[in-house]
Amino acid sequence: MNMNKVIIGTDIGDDIDDIYALVLALKLNIDIKLIMVTTNNTKYKATLVAKILTLLNKTNIPIFIGKENDCKL
């Protein structure tokens, strides 16, 4: 089966929706090539993503940590 390759960008940790979306993507076995965490306290957010990846045995997916204030509206 030919799967699309996906990069996920997330501001996980601000509310619950990003956690649900990430877990769903991981459970659907989508070919995730990278997870990028953004917007304020990115090191903590990367830790959250790493914990989810560990729990779901998907530790082969790299995590990119964006700058602390990389999204300015």
Protein backbone atom coordinates (compact mmCIF):
# COMPACT_ATOMS: atom_id res chain seq x y z
CA MET A 1 0.00 0.00 0.00
CA ASN A 2 1.38 3.41 -0.99
CA MET A 3 1.06 5.73 2.02
CA ASN A 4 1.45 9.49 1.99
CA LYS A 5 4.31 10.84 4.06
CA VAL A 6 3.20 13.32 6.73
CA ILE A 7 4.84 16.00 8.87
CA ILE A 8 2.75 16.98 11.89
CA GLY A 9 2.95 20.48 13.37
CA THR A 10 1.46 20.91 16.82
CA ASP A 11 1.17 23.29 19.76
CA ILE A 12 0.36 20.29 21.97
CA GLY A 13 -0.23 20.97 25.64
CA ASP A 14 -2.30 24.13 25.27
CA ASP A 15 -5.52 22.10 25.18
CA ILE A 16 -6.62 18.53 24.54
CA ASP A 17 -7.33 18.60 20.79
CA ASP A 18 -3.73 18.16 19.66
CA ILE A 19 -3.27 15.14 21.90
CA TYR A 20 -6.35 13.48 20.39
CA ALA A 21 -5.21 14.27 16.84
CA LEU A 22 -1.67 12.99 17.43
CA VAL A 23 -2.82 9.75 19.04
CA LEU A 24 -5.33 9.18 16.22
CA ALA A 25 -2.65 9.73 13.56
CA LEU A 26 -0.30 7.34 15.36
CA LYS A 27 -2.99 4.68 15.75
CA LEU A 28 -3.96 4.91 12.06
CA ASN A 29 -0.39 3.98 11.11
CA ILE A 30 0.02 7.06 8.94
CA ASP A 31 3.62 7.37 7.67
CA ILE A 32 4.67 10.22 9.98
CA LYS A 33 8.16 11.44 9.10
CA LEU A 34 8.47 14.25 11.67
CA ILE A 35 6.54 15.89 14.51
CA MET A 36 7.23 19.61 14.97
CA VAL A 37 6.29 21.34 18.23
CA THR A 38 5.70 25.09 18.16
CA THR A 39 4.63 28.09 20.19
CA ASN A 40 5.82 28.80 23.73
CA ASN A 41 7.49 26.28 26.06
CA THR A 42 8.49 24.08 23.13
CA LYS A 43 10.91 21.93 25.14
CA TYR A 44 8.09 20.92 27.48
CA LYS A 45 5.80 20.27 24.53
CA ALA A 46 8.46 18.06 22.91
CA THR A 47 8.58 16.08 26.17
CA LEU A 48 4.81 15.52 25.94
CA VAL A 49 5.14 14.28 22.37
CA ALA A 50 8.03 12.00 23.36
CA LYS A 51 5.94 10.49 26.16
CA ILE A 52 3.07 9.78 23.76
CA LEU A 53 5.45 8.24 21.23
CA THR A 54 6.94 6.05 23.93
CA LEU A 55 3.54 4.91 25.18
CA LEU A 56 2.51 3.93 21.64
CA ASN A 57 5.90 2.36 20.80
CA LYS A 58 6.58 4.85 17.97
CA THR A 59 9.95 6.17 19.17
CA ASN A 60 11.42 6.06 15.65
CA ILE A 61 9.65 9.33 14.72
CA PRO A 62 11.90 12.40 15.15
CA ILE A 63 10.68 15.48 17.03
CA PHE A 64 11.66 18.96 15.87
CA ILE A 65 11.61 21.63 18.59
CA GLY A 66 10.71 25.07 17.27
CA LYS A 67 11.81 28.35 18.80
CA GLU A 68 10.04 29.45 21.97
CA ASN A 69 8.07 32.22 20.25
CA ASP A 70 8.07 31.01 16.66
CA CYS A 71 4.39 31.71 15.91
CA LYS A 72 3.44 35.35 16.24
CA LEU A 73 -0.04 36.43 15.24
